[in-house]
Each structure stands twice: as C-alpha cells, then as structure tokens.
Amino acid sequence: MKTKERIILESLDLFNERGERNVSTNHIAAHLNMSPGNLYYHFRNKNEIIYQIFKNYELMVDTYLRVPEGRAIEIEDLLSYLDAVFNGLWAYRFLHRDLEHLLDSDDSLREDYRAFTLRCVNGITEIIAALEESDIFDEQTHEQRRTKALNVWLIVTNWMTFLKTMFGADQDAPSNRNAIRHGVYQVLDFIVPHLRDAERQQVVEFQASYCFKGLLPE
C-alpha cells in the first residue's frame, strides 16, 4: 500500500474512533510511526486529508447509488441500496457526526459536498421513478418524487447527529452499530406505505430485522 493511501486509511480510523477535532496531524504521524515532515510531504494539513477521505466516500456512494442498467429494478435493489448507504455511514461516521464544522472549515469541501448532495437527491429521485416503472412503487408526480428523495436524504445524513444526541460518548460502542442499522428501518417505514401489496409484505418482514429496541428509552 502506498504511503498516501495508508495515511488516508489510518486517519479515517482515528477520526472515527476519537473524533476529528481530537486528532491532529502529529497524532496521525505518531500513529503511523512517521515524522510530521513525511506526513506533510503528502498532505499539507489535516483539511487535505479530510478532503481526500470525503472524495473516497463520494466515489463509493456514486458507484452504487444508480439505477441498474440493462434490466428492470427489483425490490432487492432497494434493500441493497439502503444496506450500502448505512454501511457507508458506519465506515465514514466522523464525516456525518460533525459535518457542519467540517464544511465551515474548508471551502472546497463545502462546494463539493453541495454538488454531492444534489447528485444524490437526483439519484434517489431516479431510483423512485424506476421503482414506479417496475410497478413496485405507487405512481408519483415529479415533485412528489423529489420531495421523497430529499426526505430520504435528510434521514440518512442526519442519522449520525441523532445518534450522537442519544448516545454521546458511547456512540461508537460495537453494539451501537445496530443503532446505525436502525436507520434502514426508519427509511423503510417512510417508503413502505407507497409500495404495492406484493412487495409491501416482503419489505415489512425484512424491515423487522433492522429494528433496534434500545434506540429510544420507554
């Protein structure tokens, strides 16, 4: 593995584990057993590392958030999208925990993230339209599709912030990955009423496997 790639991967682990604000370039260099000068040879500052981590995340999402080519979309595709989205939230959780601070700290990141958001909302809109064409989803107007796509995006991108308010310092406990997966449950609960009867029962049964009982205190 190239040094630059190793810096990115190890920084991601540190940011996820400790929080981005608690990790300096000196911490990263020490963790990698390299001198700060060697680190600065590859990245001039921490913002550059964060930006590259985001670009990796962006590429990953762009790869899977698209309508299948050469065949009709199926309900299994919808479930795969949601699994991939929330697995990505876990893998890059520091980005979503403190997103406002990160965007305020880097103009390039802010501009790229805005374009990324619009692209993702457009992608979700196209997926909903494809589900309609496959007679899986109730027919929607263009405005209804856009609204539903935005609502899904808001659930996804705010899920880590919600968990942070609920779990605080314990948010990264291994058991709380189930709390992240509960986000799939929330999105499906929003989608299920719009599914046709045949698919609705299948999704409801699948949805139950994502329910995390410890999410909200009784």
Protein backbone atom coordinates (compact mmCIF):
# COMPACT_ATOMS: atom_id res chain seq x y z
CA MET A 1 0.00 0.00 0.00
CA LYS A 2 1.30 3.44 -0.92
CA THR A 3 2.13 5.84 1.91
CA LYS A 4 -0.55 8.33 0.87
CA GLU A 5 -3.25 5.64 0.89
CA ARG A 6 -2.05 4.42 4.28
CA ILE A 7 -2.29 7.94 5.71
CA ILE A 8 -5.87 8.23 4.45
CA LEU A 9 -6.98 4.87 5.85
CA GLU A 10 -5.32 5.30 9.24
CA SER A 11 -6.61 8.87 9.55
CA LEU A 12 -10.13 7.65 8.85
CA ASP A 13 -9.81 5.10 11.66
CA LEU A 14 -8.51 7.73 14.07
CA PHE A 15 -11.19 10.28 13.16
CA ASN A 16 -13.91 7.65 13.59
CA GLU A 17 -12.51 6.44 16.90
CA ARG A 18 -11.58 9.73 18.57
CA GLY A 19 -13.46 12.39 16.65
CA GLU A 20 -11.82 14.62 14.05
CA ARG A 21 -11.35 17.57 16.41
CA ASN A 22 -9.37 15.37 18.82
CA VAL A 23 -6.87 14.20 16.20
CA SER A 24 -4.01 16.39 14.98
CA THR A 25 -1.51 15.78 12.20
CA ASN A 26 1.04 14.99 14.93
CA HIS A 27 -1.29 12.30 16.27
CA ILE A 28 -1.63 10.85 12.79
CA ALA A 29 2.13 10.87 12.20
CA ALA A 30 2.80 9.21 15.56
CA HIS A 31 0.16 6.57 14.89
CA LEU A 32 1.85 5.80 11.57
CA ASN A 33 5.35 5.85 13.07
CA MET A 34 6.45 8.56 10.65
CA SER A 35 7.81 12.04 11.09
CA PRO A 36 5.45 15.04 10.74
CA GLY A 37 7.64 16.18 7.85
CA ASN A 38 6.97 12.95 5.98
CA LEU A 39 3.25 13.39 6.55
CA TYR A 40 3.39 16.98 5.28
CA TYR A 41 5.16 15.77 2.15
CA HIS A 42 1.93 14.00 1.19
CA PHE A 43 -0.65 16.34 2.79
CA ARG A 44 -0.05 19.98 3.71
CA ASN A 45 -2.59 19.95 6.54
CA LYS A 46 -5.40 17.97 8.15
CA ASN A 47 -8.04 19.54 5.91
CA GLU A 48 -6.38 17.99 2.87
CA ILE A 49 -6.59 14.56 4.49
CA ILE A 50 -10.26 15.06 5.35
CA TYR A 51 -10.99 16.26 1.83
CA GLN A 52 -9.44 13.14 0.31
CA ILE A 53 -11.37 10.91 2.71
CA PHE A 54 -14.55 12.63 1.58
CA LYS A 55 -13.63 12.10 -2.09
CA ASN A 56 -13.25 8.37 -1.38
CA TYR A 57 -16.66 8.35 0.30
CA GLU A 58 -18.17 10.31 -2.57
CA LEU A 59 -16.79 7.83 -5.13
CA MET A 60 -18.18 4.90 -3.15
CA VAL A 61 -21.69 6.38 -2.99
CA ASP A 62 -21.64 7.43 -6.65
CA THR A 63 -20.76 3.84 -7.56
CA TYR A 64 -23.83 2.22 -6.01
CA LEU A 65 -26.50 4.94 -6.00
CA ARG A 66 -27.64 4.39 -9.55
CA VAL A 67 -30.42 2.58 -11.40
CA PRO A 68 -29.40 -0.87 -12.74
CA GLU A 69 -28.51 -0.92 -16.42
CA GLY A 70 -29.97 -3.45 -18.85
CA ARG A 71 -32.74 -4.71 -16.57
CA ALA A 72 -35.71 -3.55 -14.53
CA ILE A 73 -35.11 -2.52 -10.94
CA GLU A 74 -36.26 -5.03 -8.28
CA ILE A 75 -37.21 -4.70 -4.64
CA GLU A 76 -33.93 -6.41 -3.73
CA ASP A 77 -32.11 -3.46 -5.30
CA LEU A 78 -33.88 -1.07 -2.94
CA LEU A 79 -32.80 -3.13 0.05
CA SER A 80 -29.23 -3.30 -1.27
CA TYR A 81 -29.13 0.49 -1.67
CA LEU A 82 -30.13 1.02 1.95
CA ASP A 83 -27.68 -1.57 3.26
CA ALA A 84 -24.87 0.09 1.33
CA VAL A 85 -25.85 3.59 2.46
CA PHE A 86 -25.89 2.79 6.16
CA ASN A 87 -22.76 0.62 5.97
CA GLY A 88 -21.14 3.70 4.46
CA LEU A 89 -22.39 5.82 7.35
CA TRP A 90 -20.64 3.49 9.75
CA ALA A 91 -17.40 3.35 7.76
CA TYR A 92 -17.23 7.17 7.42
CA ARG A 93 -19.15 8.11 10.55
CA PHE A 94 -16.89 11.02 11.57
CA LEU A 95 -17.92 12.89 8.42
CA HIS A 96 -21.56 12.83 9.40
CA ARG A 97 -21.10 13.38 13.13
CA ASP A 98 -19.55 16.81 12.72
CA LEU A 99 -20.46 17.74 9.16
CA GLU A 100 -21.30 21.40 9.75
CA HIS A 101 -17.92 22.06 11.38
CA LEU A 102 -16.06 20.25 8.59
CA LEU A 103 -17.85 22.21 5.87
CA ASP A 104 -17.24 25.51 7.64
CA SER A 105 -13.52 24.68 7.79
CA ASP A 106 -12.94 24.01 4.09
CA ASP A 107 -14.46 25.92 1.17
CA SER A 108 -13.56 23.19 -1.34
CA LEU A 109 -15.19 20.53 0.79
CA ARG A 110 -18.31 22.66 1.20
CA GLU A 111 -18.67 23.21 -2.55
CA ASP A 112 -18.05 19.55 -3.39
CA TYR A 113 -20.45 18.37 -0.69
CA ARG A 114 -23.21 20.62 -2.03
CA ALA A 115 -22.77 19.13 -5.51
CA PHE A 116 -22.64 15.64 -3.97
CA THR A 117 -25.93 16.28 -2.15
CA LEU A 118 -27.69 17.40 -5.32
CA ARG A 119 -26.32 14.39 -7.21
CA CYS A 120 -27.52 12.00 -4.51
CA VAL A 121 -31.00 13.54 -4.34
CA ASN A 122 -31.19 13.25 -8.14
CA GLY A 123 -30.04 9.63 -7.90
CA ILE A 124 -32.68 8.77 -5.31
CA THR A 125 -35.32 10.51 -7.46
CA GLU A 126 -34.31 8.35 -10.43
CA ILE A 127 -34.47 5.21 -8.28
CA ILE A 128 -38.01 6.07 -7.17
CA ALA A 129 -39.01 6.65 -10.80
CA ALA A 130 -37.52 3.27 -11.75
CA LEU A 131 -39.46 1.58 -8.93
CA GLU A 132 -42.63 3.12 -10.35
CA GLU A 133 -41.82 1.81 -13.81
CA SER A 134 -41.40 -1.68 -12.34
CA ASP A 135 -44.83 -1.42 -10.66
CA ILE A 136 -43.21 -1.61 -7.22
CA PHE A 137 -43.87 1.96 -6.07
CA ASP A 138 -47.09 3.99 -6.29
CA GLU A 139 -47.13 6.49 -9.14
CA GLN A 140 -45.75 9.88 -8.12
CA THR A 141 -45.55 13.31 -9.67
CA HIS A 142 -42.08 14.68 -10.29
CA GLU A 143 -42.45 17.00 -7.30
CA GLN A 144 -43.54 14.11 -5.06
CA ARG A 145 -40.52 12.08 -6.15
CA ARG A 146 -38.17 14.97 -5.40
CA THR A 147 -39.75 15.55 -2.00
CA LYS A 148 -39.48 11.89 -1.04
CA ALA A 149 -35.88 11.74 -2.29
CA LEU A 150 -34.99 14.76 -0.17
CA ASN A 151 -36.70 13.28 2.89
CA VAL A 152 -34.71 10.05 2.50
CA TRP A 153 -31.50 12.07 2.16
CA LEU A 154 -32.33 14.07 5.30
CA ILE A 155 -32.87 10.88 7.32
CA VAL A 156 -29.59 9.41 6.09
CA THR A 157 -27.41 12.48 6.56
CA ASN A 158 -28.83 13.42 9.96
CA TRP A 159 -28.87 9.93 11.42
CA MET A 160 -25.39 10.15 12.97
CA THR A 161 -26.23 13.50 14.57
CA PHE A 162 -29.34 11.96 16.10
CA LEU A 163 -27.33 9.04 17.50
CA LYS A 164 -24.77 11.45 18.91
CA THR A 165 -27.51 13.22 20.90
CA MET A 166 -28.83 9.88 22.17
CA PHE A 167 -25.61 8.00 22.96
CA GLY A 168 -22.96 10.69 23.40
CA ALA A 169 -19.52 9.24 24.08
CA ASP A 170 -20.87 5.68 23.73
CA GLN A 171 -21.95 6.16 20.13
CA ASP A 172 -19.11 4.01 18.77
CA ALA A 173 -19.69 1.04 21.06
CA PRO A 174 -19.89 -2.09 18.88
CA SER A 175 -23.49 -2.67 19.97
CA ASN A 176 -24.46 0.71 18.60
CA ARG A 177 -23.79 -0.35 15.05
CA ASN A 178 -27.28 -1.79 15.45
CA ALA A 179 -28.48 1.74 16.13
CA ILE A 180 -26.95 2.87 12.83
CA ARG A 181 -28.61 -0.04 11.05
CA HIS A 182 -31.92 1.07 12.54
CA GLY A 183 -31.70 3.94 10.07
CA VAL A 184 -32.65 1.42 7.38
CA TYR A 185 -35.78 0.69 9.42
CA GLN A 186 -36.66 4.38 9.52
CA VAL A 187 -36.25 4.88 5.79
CA LEU A 188 -38.27 1.75 5.01
CA ASP A 189 -41.04 2.91 7.36
CA PHE A 190 -41.27 6.03 5.22
CA ILE A 191 -41.27 4.02 1.96
CA VAL A 192 -43.50 1.03 2.83
CA PRO A 193 -46.87 2.85 2.50
CA HIS A 194 -46.04 3.62 -1.13
CA LEU A 195 -45.19 0.04 -2.14
CA ARG A 196 -47.57 -2.23 -3.99
CA ASP A 197 -49.13 -5.04 -1.94
CA ALA A 198 -46.86 -7.85 -3.13
CA GLU A 199 -43.66 -6.00 -2.25
CA ARG A 200 -45.01 -4.37 0.91
CA GLN A 201 -45.23 -7.61 2.89
CA GLN A 202 -41.76 -8.69 1.77
CA VAL A 203 -40.23 -5.38 2.85
CA VAL A 204 -42.09 -5.29 6.18
CA GLU A 205 -40.62 -8.69 7.06
CA PHE A 206 -37.15 -7.53 6.04
CA GLN A 207 -37.60 -4.25 7.91
CA ALA A 208 -38.12 -6.02 11.23
CA SER A 209 -34.54 -7.33 11.17
CA TYR A 210 -33.25 -3.74 11.39
CA CYS A 211 -35.28 -2.68 14.41
CA PHE A 212 -33.04 -1.70 17.36
CA LYS A 213 -35.12 -1.85 20.53
CA GLY A 214 -32.64 0.19 22.56
CA LEU A 215 -32.82 3.25 20.33
CA LEU A 216 -35.36 5.18 22.37
CA PRO A 217 -35.99 4.71 26.10
CA GLU A 218 -39.51 3.68 27.01
